[in-house]
Each structure stands twice: as C-alpha cells, then as structure tokens.
Amino acid sequence: RIWRLTEQFALSKTVASDVNLLQLPVYCHNYQW
C-alpha cells in the first residue's frame, strides 16, 4: 500500500495533464481519485 500510494499520485499527474488537454468535464469512479 505504501508504494501503491506513491504510484497512484504519479499516475494522477499524468491523467490530469491528459484531461486538461481535452477541456471536458471529468468524472471519477470513486472519491479517492
């Protein structure tokens, strides 16, 4: 769970960068993401 949290945070940066390029409302499947 420790390294998973680290990798999830890194992945969130990548996803956020991709989402910002598309300029559309975004919905996530849970409150953590």
PDB file of all heavy atoms in Angstrom:
ATOM      1  N   ARG A   1       0.816  -1.215   0.000  1.00  0.00           N
ATOM      2  CA  ARG A   1       0.000   0.000   0.000  1.00  0.00           C
ATOM      3  C   ARG A   1       0.855   1.273   0.000  1.00  0.00           C
ATOM      4  O   ARG A   1       0.429   2.307  -0.498  1.00  0.00           O
ATOM      5  CB  ARG A   1      -0.943   0.000   1.205  1.00  0.00           C
ATOM      6  CG  ARG A   1      -1.941  -1.133   1.169  1.00  0.00           C
ATOM      7  CD  ARG A   1      -2.878  -1.086   2.347  1.00  0.00           C
ATOM      8  NE  ARG A   1      -3.739   0.084   2.300  1.00  0.00           N
ATOM      9  CZ  ARG A   1      -4.651   0.369   3.225  1.00  0.00           C
ATOM     10  NH1 ARG A   1      -4.800  -0.432   4.263  1.00  0.00           N
ATOM     11  NH2 ARG A   1      -5.395   1.447   3.116  1.00  0.00           N
ATOM     12  N   ILE A   2       2.055   1.192   0.563  1.00  0.00           N
ATOM     13  CA  ILE A   2       2.919   2.376   0.625  1.00  0.00           C
ATOM     14  C   ILE A   2       3.357   2.794  -0.768  1.00  0.00           C
ATOM     15  O   ILE A   2       3.163   3.945  -1.190  1.00  0.00           O
ATOM     16  CB  ILE A   2       4.143   2.099   1.517  1.00  0.00           C
ATOM     17  CG1 ILE A   2       3.695   1.878   2.966  1.00  0.00           C
ATOM     18  CG2 ILE A   2       5.133   3.255   1.436  1.00  0.00           C
ATOM     19  CD1 ILE A   2       4.810   1.514   3.896  1.00  0.00           C
ATOM     20  N   TRP A   3       3.960   1.844  -1.510  1.00  0.00           N
ATOM     21  CA  TRP A   3       4.417   2.180  -2.854  1.00  0.00           C
ATOM     22  C   TRP A   3       3.251   2.372  -3.813  1.00  0.00           C
ATOM     23  O   TRP A   3       3.353   3.107  -4.803  1.00  0.00           O
ATOM     24  CB  TRP A   3       5.372   1.101  -3.362  1.00  0.00           C
ATOM     25  CG  TRP A   3       6.745   1.273  -2.780  1.00  0.00           C
ATOM     26  CD1 TRP A   3       7.260   0.632  -1.699  1.00  0.00           C
ATOM     27  CD2 TRP A   3       7.747   2.190  -3.222  1.00  0.00           C
ATOM     28  NE1 TRP A   3       8.540   1.071  -1.432  1.00  0.00           N
ATOM     29  CE2 TRP A   3       8.863   2.024  -2.365  1.00  0.00           C
ATOM     30  CE3 TRP A   3       7.826   3.109  -4.256  1.00  0.00           C
ATOM     31  CZ2 TRP A   3      10.032   2.762  -2.508  1.00  0.00           C
ATOM     32  CZ3 TRP A   3       8.990   3.839  -4.408  1.00  0.00           C
ATOM     33  CH2 TRP A   3      10.071   3.667  -3.539  1.00  0.00           C
ATOM     34  N   ARG A   4       2.126   1.750  -3.535  1.00  0.00           N
ATOM     35  CA  ARG A   4       0.942   1.938  -4.371  1.00  0.00           C
ATOM     36  C   ARG A   4       0.467   3.394  -4.299  1.00  0.00           C
ATOM     37  O   ARG A   4       0.118   3.991  -5.313  1.00  0.00           O
ATOM     38  CB  ARG A   4      -0.178   0.998  -3.923  1.00  0.00           C
ATOM     39  CG  ARG A   4      -1.390   1.009  -4.860  1.00  0.00           C
ATOM     40  CD  ARG A   4      -2.530   0.177  -4.317  1.00  0.00           C
ATOM     41  NE  ARG A   4      -3.616   0.095  -5.273  1.00  0.00           N
ATOM     42  CZ  ARG A   4      -3.836  -0.916  -6.094  1.00  0.00           C
ATOM     43  NH1 ARG A   4      -3.025  -1.965  -6.075  1.00  0.00           N
ATOM     44  NH2 ARG A   4      -4.847  -0.909  -6.935  1.00  0.00           N
ATOM     45  N   LEU A   5       0.472   3.961  -3.098  1.00  0.00           N
ATOM     46  CA  LEU A   5       0.081   5.369  -2.943  1.00  0.00           C
ATOM     47  C   LEU A   5       1.019   6.290  -3.725  1.00  0.00           C
ATOM     48  O   LEU A   5       0.584   7.259  -4.355  1.00  0.00           O
ATOM     49  CB  LEU A   5       0.075   5.750  -1.457  1.00  0.00           C
ATOM     50  CG  LEU A   5      -1.060   5.177  -0.611  1.00  0.00           C
ATOM     51  CD1 LEU A   5      -0.820   5.473   0.864  1.00  0.00           C
ATOM     52  CD2 LEU A   5      -2.400   5.742  -1.043  1.00  0.00           C
ATOM     53  N   THR A   6       2.292   5.977  -3.679  1.00  0.00           N
ATOM     54  CA  THR A   6       3.273   6.770  -4.426  1.00  0.00           C
ATOM     55  C   THR A   6       3.001   6.716  -5.925  1.00  0.00           C
ATOM     56  O   THR A   6       3.014   7.745  -6.616  1.00  0.00           O
ATOM     57  CB  THR A   6       4.698   6.257  -4.135  1.00  0.00           C
ATOM     58  OG1 THR A   6       4.936   6.298  -2.730  1.00  0.00           O
ATOM     59  CG2 THR A   6       5.738   7.110  -4.839  1.00  0.00           C
ATOM     60  N   GLU A   7       2.742   5.517  -6.432  1.00  0.00           N
ATOM     61  CA  GLU A   7       2.497   5.351  -7.866  1.00  0.00           C
ATOM     62  C   GLU A   7       1.160   5.948  -8.280  1.00  0.00           C
ATOM     63  O   GLU A   7       1.026   6.465  -9.399  1.00  0.00           O
ATOM     64  CB  GLU A   7       2.560   3.859  -8.241  1.00  0.00           C
ATOM     65  CG  GLU A   7       3.923   3.210  -8.010  1.00  0.00           C
ATOM     66  CD  GLU A   7       5.034   3.898  -8.786  1.00  0.00           C
ATOM     67  OE1 GLU A   7       4.762   4.458  -9.865  1.00  0.00           O
ATOM     68  OE2 GLU A   7       6.182   3.881  -8.317  1.00  0.00           O
ATOM     69  N   GLN A   8       0.154   5.874  -7.404  1.00  0.00           N
ATOM     70  CA  GLN A   8      -1.140   6.487  -7.718  1.00  0.00           C
ATOM     71  C   GLN A   8      -1.004   7.996  -7.845  1.00  0.00           C
ATOM     72  O   GLN A   8      -1.614   8.612  -8.725  1.00  0.00           O
ATOM     73  CB  GLN A   8      -2.174   6.142  -6.636  1.00  0.00           C
ATOM     74  CG  GLN A   8      -2.714   4.738  -6.738  1.00  0.00           C
ATOM     75  CD  GLN A   8      -3.717   4.407  -5.668  1.00  0.00           C
ATOM     76  OE1 GLN A   8      -4.303   3.332  -5.670  1.00  0.00           O
ATOM     77  NE2 GLN A   8      -3.933   5.301  -4.725  1.00  0.00           N
ATOM     78  N   PHE A   9      -0.208   8.586  -6.991  1.00  0.00           N
ATOM     79  CA  PHE A   9      -0.005  10.037  -7.057  1.00  0.00           C
ATOM     80  C   PHE A   9       0.698  10.413  -8.361  1.00  0.00           C
ATOM     81  O   PHE A   9       0.328  11.392  -9.023  1.00  0.00           O
ATOM     82  CB  PHE A   9       0.813  10.517  -5.861  1.00  0.00           C
ATOM     83  CG  PHE A   9       0.989  12.006  -5.819  1.00  0.00           C
ATOM     84  CD1 PHE A   9      -0.063  12.833  -5.489  1.00  0.00           C
ATOM     85  CD2 PHE A   9       2.215  12.577  -6.126  1.00  0.00           C
ATOM     86  CE1 PHE A   9       0.100  14.213  -5.456  1.00  0.00           C
ATOM     87  CE2 PHE A   9       2.384  13.949  -6.106  1.00  0.00           C
ATOM     88  CZ  PHE A   9       1.318  14.769  -5.764  1.00  0.00           C
ATOM     89  N   ALA A  10       1.696   9.630  -8.742  1.00  0.00           N
ATOM     90  CA  ALA A  10       2.400   9.888 -10.004  1.00  0.00           C
ATOM     91  C   ALA A  10       1.452   9.731 -11.193  1.00  0.00           C
ATOM     92  O   ALA A  10       1.474  10.540 -12.136  1.00  0.00           O
ATOM     93  CB  ALA A  10       3.587   8.941 -10.141  1.00  0.00           C
ATOM     94  N   LEU A  11       0.588   8.709 -11.149  1.00  0.00           N
ATOM     95  CA  LEU A  11      -0.374   8.493 -12.228  1.00  0.00           C
ATOM     96  C   LEU A  11      -1.381   9.631 -12.301  1.00  0.00           C
ATOM     97  O   LEU A  11      -1.798  10.029 -13.406  1.00  0.00           O
ATOM     98  CB  LEU A  11      -1.091   7.159 -12.021  1.00  0.00           C
ATOM     99  CG  LEU A  11      -2.154   6.780 -13.058  1.00  0.00           C
ATOM    100  CD1 LEU A  11      -1.558   6.729 -14.466  1.00  0.00           C
ATOM    101  CD2 LEU A  11      -2.809   5.448 -12.703  1.00  0.00           C
ATOM    102  N   SER A  12      -1.774  10.173 -11.161  1.00  0.00           N
ATOM    103  CA  SER A  12      -2.748  11.278 -11.156  1.00  0.00           C
ATOM    104  C   SER A  12      -2.207  12.498 -11.906  1.00  0.00           C
ATOM    105  O   SER A  12      -2.963  13.225 -12.554  1.00  0.00           O
ATOM    106  CB  SER A  12      -3.123  11.655  -9.724  1.00  0.00           C
ATOM    107  OG  SER A  12      -2.056  12.315  -9.056  1.00  0.00           O
ATOM    108  N   LYS A  13      -0.893  12.723 -11.824  1.00  0.00           N
ATOM    109  CA  LYS A  13      -0.285  13.831 -12.569  1.00  0.00           C
ATOM    110  C   LYS A  13      -0.426  13.618 -14.073  1.00  0.00           C
ATOM    111  O   LYS A  13      -0.771  14.542 -14.822  1.00  0.00           O
ATOM    112  CB  LYS A  13       1.200  13.966 -12.208  1.00  0.00           C
ATOM    113  CG  LYS A  13       1.469  14.480 -10.809  1.00  0.00           C
ATOM    114  CD  LYS A  13       2.971  14.640 -10.598  1.00  0.00           C
ATOM    115  CE  LYS A  13       3.272  15.209  -9.219  1.00  0.00           C
ATOM    116  NZ  LYS A  13       4.733  15.394  -9.006  1.00  0.00           N
ATOM    117  N   THR A  14      -0.169  12.387 -14.522  1.00  0.00           N
ATOM    118  CA  THR A  14      -0.272  12.067 -15.951  1.00  0.00           C
ATOM    119  C   THR A  14      -1.700  12.219 -16.448  1.00  0.00           C
ATOM    120  O   THR A  14      -1.957  12.820 -17.499  1.00  0.00           O
ATOM    121  CB  THR A  14       0.212  10.623 -16.207  1.00  0.00           C
ATOM    122  OG1 THR A  14       1.545  10.483 -15.726  1.00  0.00           O
ATOM    123  CG2 THR A  14       0.165  10.293 -17.679  1.00  0.00           C
ATOM    124  N   VAL A  15      -2.651  11.682 -15.679  1.00  0.00           N
ATOM    125  CA  VAL A  15      -4.062  11.754 -16.072  1.00  0.00           C
ATOM    126  C   VAL A  15      -4.530  13.205 -16.103  1.00  0.00           C
ATOM    127  O   VAL A  15      -5.233  13.630 -17.032  1.00  0.00           O
ATOM    128  CB  VAL A  15      -4.936  10.924 -15.110  1.00  0.00           C
ATOM    129  CG1 VAL A  15      -6.413  11.063 -15.481  1.00  0.00           C
ATOM    130  CG2 VAL A  15      -4.518   9.469 -15.128  1.00  0.00           C
ATOM    131  N   ALA A  16      -4.144  13.979 -15.100  1.00  0.00           N
ATOM    132  CA  ALA A  16      -4.546  15.391 -15.039  1.00  0.00           C
ATOM    133  C   ALA A  16      -4.029  16.151 -16.254  1.00  0.00           C
ATOM    134  O   ALA A  16      -4.739  16.991 -16.822  1.00  0.00           O
ATOM    135  CB  ALA A  16      -4.024  16.021 -13.748  1.00  0.00           C
ATOM    136  N   SER A  17      -2.809  15.859 -16.670  1.00  0.00           N
ATOM    137  CA  SER A  17      -2.239  16.512 -17.850  1.00  0.00           C
ATOM    138  C   SER A  17      -3.039  16.167 -19.107  1.00  0.00           C
ATOM    139  O   SER A  17      -3.332  17.044 -19.936  1.00  0.00           O
ATOM    140  CB  SER A  17      -0.781  16.091 -18.020  1.00  0.00           C
ATOM    141  OG  SER A  17      -0.220  16.658 -19.182  1.00  0.00           O
ATOM    142  N   ASP A  18      -3.448  14.907 -19.258  1.00  0.00           N
ATOM    143  CA  ASP A  18      -4.232  14.481 -20.414  1.00  0.00           C
ATOM    144  C   ASP A  18      -5.631  15.102 -20.394  1.00  0.00           C
ATOM    145  O   ASP A  18      -6.157  15.509 -21.437  1.00  0.00           O
ATOM    146  CB  ASP A  18      -4.349  12.956 -20.444  1.00  0.00           C
ATOM    147  CG  ASP A  18      -3.001  12.277 -20.659  1.00  0.00           C
ATOM    148  OD1 ASP A  18      -2.095  12.932 -21.223  1.00  0.00           O
ATOM    149  OD2 ASP A  18      -2.854  11.112 -20.258  1.00  0.00           O
ATOM    150  N   VAL A  19      -6.231  15.180 -19.222  1.00  0.00           N
ATOM    151  CA  VAL A  19      -7.576  15.740 -19.097  1.00  0.00           C
ATOM    152  C   VAL A  19      -7.581  17.223 -19.452  1.00  0.00           C
ATOM    153  O   VAL A  19      -8.487  17.711 -20.139  1.00  0.00           O
ATOM    154  CB  VAL A  19      -8.111  15.513 -17.663  1.00  0.00           C
ATOM    155  CG1 VAL A  19      -9.365  16.355 -17.402  1.00  0.00           C
ATOM    156  CG2 VAL A  19      -8.410  14.043 -17.421  1.00  0.00           C
ATOM    157  N   ASN A  20      -6.569  17.949 -18.995  1.00  0.00           N
ATOM    158  CA  ASN A  20      -6.507  19.389 -19.264  1.00  0.00           C
ATOM    159  C   ASN A  20      -6.414  19.693 -20.755  1.00  0.00           C
ATOM    160  O   ASN A  20      -6.893  20.739 -21.212  1.00  0.00           O
ATOM    161  CB  ASN A  20      -5.318  20.008 -18.525  1.00  0.00           C
ATOM    162  CG  ASN A  20      -5.568  20.134 -17.034  1.00  0.00           C
ATOM    163  OD1 ASN A  20      -6.704  20.320 -16.600  1.00  0.00           O
ATOM    164  ND2 ASN A  20      -4.512  20.038 -16.241  1.00  0.00           N
ATOM    165  N   LEU A  21      -5.835  18.790 -21.526  1.00  0.00           N
ATOM    166  CA  LEU A  21      -5.723  18.997 -22.973  1.00  0.00           C
ATOM    167  C   LEU A  21      -7.080  18.894 -23.670  1.00  0.00           C
ATOM    168  O   LEU A  21      -7.312  19.530 -24.702  1.00  0.00           O
ATOM    169  CB  LEU A  21      -4.760  17.970 -23.578  1.00  0.00           C
ATOM    170  CG  LEU A  21      -3.275  18.105 -23.202  1.00  0.00           C
ATOM    171  CD1 LEU A  21      -2.481  16.935 -23.771  1.00  0.00           C
ATOM    172  CD2 LEU A  21      -2.705  19.434 -23.720  1.00  0.00           C
ATOM    173  N   LEU A  22      -7.999  18.106 -23.110  1.00  0.00           N
ATOM    174  CA  LEU A  22      -9.286  17.837 -23.758  1.00  0.00           C
ATOM    175  C   LEU A  22     -10.366  18.850 -23.386  1.00  0.00           C
ATOM    176  O   LEU A  22     -11.379  18.952 -24.074  1.00  0.00           O
ATOM    177  CB  LEU A  22      -9.765  16.430 -23.404  1.00  0.00           C
ATOM    178  CG  LEU A  22      -8.845  15.303 -23.915  1.00  0.00           C
ATOM    179  CD1 LEU A  22      -9.223  13.976 -23.293  1.00  0.00           C
ATOM    180  CD2 LEU A  22      -8.918  15.211 -25.430  1.00  0.00           C
ATOM    181  N   GLN A  23     -10.195  19.574 -22.275  1.00  0.00           N
ATOM    182  CA  GLN A  23     -11.117  20.642 -21.887  1.00  0.00           C
ATOM    183  C   GLN A  23     -12.569  20.153 -21.807  1.00  0.00           C
ATOM    184  O   GLN A  23     -13.490  20.800 -22.315  1.00  0.00           O
ATOM    185  CB  GLN A  23     -11.018  21.801 -22.882  1.00  0.00           C
ATOM    186  CG  GLN A  23      -9.662  22.491 -22.931  1.00  0.00           C
ATOM    187  CD  GLN A  23      -9.341  23.235 -21.633  1.00  0.00           C
ATOM    188  OE1 GLN A  23     -10.132  24.064 -21.157  1.00  0.00           O
ATOM    189  NE2 GLN A  23      -8.200  22.938 -21.068  1.00  0.00           N
ATOM    190  N   LEU A  24     -12.789  19.011 -21.151  1.00  0.00           N
ATOM    191  CA  LEU A  24     -14.137  18.474 -20.951  1.00  0.00           C
ATOM    192  C   LEU A  24     -14.349  18.161 -19.472  1.00  0.00           C
ATOM    193  O   LEU A  24     -13.377  17.895 -18.743  1.00  0.00           O
ATOM    194  CB  LEU A  24     -14.320  17.185 -21.766  1.00  0.00           C
ATOM    195  CG  LEU A  24     -14.465  17.325 -23.291  1.00  0.00           C
ATOM    196  CD1 LEU A  24     -14.441  15.942 -23.938  1.00  0.00           C
ATOM    197  CD2 LEU A  24     -15.748  18.063 -23.657  1.00  0.00           C
ATOM    198  N   PRO A  25     -15.613  18.188 -19.005  1.00  0.00           N
ATOM    199  CA  PRO A  25     -15.868  17.794 -17.618  1.00  0.00           C
ATOM    200  C   PRO A  25     -15.410  16.352 -17.380  1.00  0.00           C
ATOM    201  O   PRO A  25     -15.613  15.487 -18.243  1.00  0.00           O
ATOM    202  CB  PRO A  25     -17.387  17.910 -17.482  1.00  0.00           C
ATOM    203  CG  PRO A  25     -17.822  18.794 -18.605  1.00  0.00           C
ATOM    204  CD  PRO A  25     -16.844  18.563 -19.719  1.00  0.00           C
ATOM    205  N   VAL A  26     -14.794  16.092 -16.252  1.00  0.00           N
ATOM    206  CA  VAL A  26     -14.287  14.751 -15.969  1.00  0.00           C
ATOM    207  C   VAL A  26     -14.917  14.201 -14.698  1.00  0.00           C
ATOM    208  O   VAL A  26     -15.103  14.935 -13.718  1.00  0.00           O
ATOM    209  CB  VAL A  26     -12.737  14.742 -15.857  1.00  0.00           C
ATOM    210  CG1 VAL A  26     -12.263  15.653 -14.737  1.00  0.00           C
ATOM    211  CG2 VAL A  26     -12.210  13.328 -15.647  1.00  0.00           C
ATOM    212  N   TYR A  27     -15.270  12.924 -14.739  1.00  0.00           N
ATOM    213  CA  TYR A  27     -15.871  12.228 -13.600  1.00  0.00           C
ATOM    214  C   TYR A  27     -14.993  11.032 -13.241  1.00  0.00           C
ATOM    215  O   TYR A  27     -14.480  10.332 -14.128  1.00  0.00           O
ATOM    216  CB  TYR A  27     -17.284  11.748 -13.927  1.00  0.00           C
ATOM    217  CG  TYR A  27     -18.299  12.865 -13.991  1.00  0.00           C
ATOM    218  CD1 TYR A  27     -18.401  13.659 -15.135  1.00  0.00           C
ATOM    219  CD2 TYR A  27     -19.139  13.134 -12.924  1.00  0.00           C
ATOM    220  CE1 TYR A  27     -19.323  14.696 -15.201  1.00  0.00           C
ATOM    221  CE2 TYR A  27     -20.063  14.169 -12.985  1.00  0.00           C
ATOM    222  CZ  TYR A  27     -20.143  14.941 -14.119  1.00  0.00           C
ATOM    223  OH  TYR A  27     -21.055  15.970 -14.167  1.00  0.00           O
ATOM    224  N   CYS A  28     -14.836  10.788 -11.938  1.00  0.00           N
ATOM    225  CA  CYS A  28     -14.046   9.655 -11.457  1.00  0.00           C
ATOM    226  C   CYS A  28     -14.949   8.630 -10.782  1.00  0.00           C
ATOM    227  O   CYS A  28     -16.037   8.968 -10.290  1.00  0.00           O
ATOM    228  CB  CYS A  28     -12.962  10.122 -10.484  1.00  0.00           C
ATOM    229  SG  CYS A  28     -11.783  11.273 -11.224  1.00  0.00           S
ATOM    230  N   HIS A  29     -14.477   7.386 -10.706  1.00  0.00           N
ATOM    231  CA  HIS A  29     -15.315   6.290 -10.218  1.00  0.00           C
ATOM    232  C   HIS A  29     -15.331   6.169  -8.696  1.00  0.00           C
ATOM    233  O   HIS A  29     -16.089   5.351  -8.161  1.00  0.00           O
ATOM    234  CB  HIS A  29     -14.865   4.957 -10.837  1.00  0.00           C
ATOM    235  CG  HIS A  29     -13.491   4.549 -10.415  1.00  0.00           C
ATOM    236  ND1 HIS A  29     -12.354   5.099 -10.960  1.00  0.00           N
ATOM    237  CD2 HIS A  29     -13.061   3.653  -9.486  1.00  0.00           C
ATOM    238  CE1 HIS A  29     -11.286   4.557 -10.395  1.00  0.00           C
ATOM    239  NE2 HIS A  29     -11.684   3.678  -9.507  1.00  0.00           N
ATOM    240  N   ASN A  30     -14.511   6.925  -7.997  1.00  0.00           N
ATOM    241  CA  ASN A  30     -14.562   6.913  -6.536  1.00  0.00           C
ATOM    242  C   ASN A  30     -14.046   8.245  -5.979  1.00  0.00           C
ATOM    243  O   ASN A  30     -13.525   9.082  -6.722  1.00  0.00           O
ATOM    244  CB  ASN A  30     -13.787   5.730  -5.939  1.00  0.00           C
ATOM    245  CG  ASN A  30     -12.312   5.744  -6.319  1.00  0.00           C
ATOM    246  OD1 ASN A  30     -11.725   6.798  -6.591  1.00  0.00           O
ATOM    247  ND2 ASN A  30     -11.701   4.570  -6.351  1.00  0.00           N
ATOM    248  N   TYR A  31     -14.203   8.434  -4.683  1.00  0.00           N
ATOM    249  CA  TYR A  31     -13.829   9.725  -4.088  1.00  0.00           C
ATOM    250  C   TYR A  31     -12.319   9.898  -3.978  1.00  0.00           C
ATOM    251  O   TYR A  31     -11.813  11.019  -3.974  1.00  0.00           O
ATOM    252  CB  TYR A  31     -14.500   9.899  -2.722  1.00  0.00           C
ATOM    253  CG  TYR A  31     -13.987   9.014  -1.612  1.00  0.00           C
ATOM    254  CD1 TYR A  31     -12.915   9.401  -0.817  1.00  0.00           C
ATOM    255  CD2 TYR A  31     -14.595   7.803  -1.323  1.00  0.00           C
ATOM    256  CE1 TYR A  31     -12.454   8.604   0.208  1.00  0.00           C
ATOM    257  CE2 TYR A  31     -14.147   6.986  -0.303  1.00  0.00           C
ATOM    258  CZ  TYR A  31     -13.080   7.396   0.460  1.00  0.00           C
ATOM    259  OH  TYR A  31     -12.623   6.585   1.484  1.00  0.00           O
ATOM    260  N   GLN A  32     -11.572   8.769  -3.902  1.00  0.00           N
ATOM    261  CA  GLN A  32     -10.123   8.887  -3.799  1.00  0.00           C
ATOM    262  C   GLN A  32      -9.529   9.522  -5.067  1.00  0.00           C
ATOM    263  O   GLN A  32      -8.720  10.456  -4.988  1.00  0.00           O
ATOM    264  CB  GLN A  32      -9.491   7.512  -3.560  1.00  0.00           C
ATOM    265  CG  GLN A  32      -9.783   6.943  -2.174  1.00  0.00           C
ATOM    266  CD  GLN A  32     -10.967   6.006  -2.172  1.00  0.00           C
ATOM    267  OE1 GLN A  32     -11.841   6.118  -3.017  1.00  0.00           O
ATOM    268  NE2 GLN A  32     -11.007   5.095  -1.214  1.00  0.00           N
ATOM    269  N   TRP A  33      -9.938   9.009  -6.227  1.00  0.00           N
ATOM    270  CA  TRP A  33      -9.397   9.555  -7.468  1.00  0.00           C
ATOM    271  C   TRP A  33      -9.942  10.952  -7.755  1.00  0.00           C
ATOM    272  O   TRP A  33      -9.263  11.778  -8.371  1.00  0.00           O
ATOM    273  CB  TRP A  33      -9.679   8.610  -8.639  1.00  0.00           C
ATOM    274  CG  TRP A  33      -8.681   7.498  -8.702  1.00  0.00           C
ATOM    275  CD1 TRP A  33      -8.859   6.208  -8.330  1.00  0.00           C
ATOM    276  CD2 TRP A  33      -7.315   7.609  -9.133  1.00  0.00           C
ATOM    277  NE1 TRP A  33      -7.699   5.483  -8.498  1.00  0.00           N
ATOM    278  CE2 TRP A  33      -6.731   6.324  -8.998  1.00  0.00           C
ATOM    279  CE3 TRP A  33      -6.532   8.647  -9.619  1.00  0.00           C
ATOM    280  CZ2 TRP A  33      -5.405   6.067  -9.333  1.00  0.00           C
ATOM    281  CZ3 TRP A  33      -5.212   8.382  -9.965  1.00  0.00           C
ATOM    282  CH2 TRP A  33      -4.660   7.107  -9.816  1.00  0.00           C
TER     283      TRP A  33
END
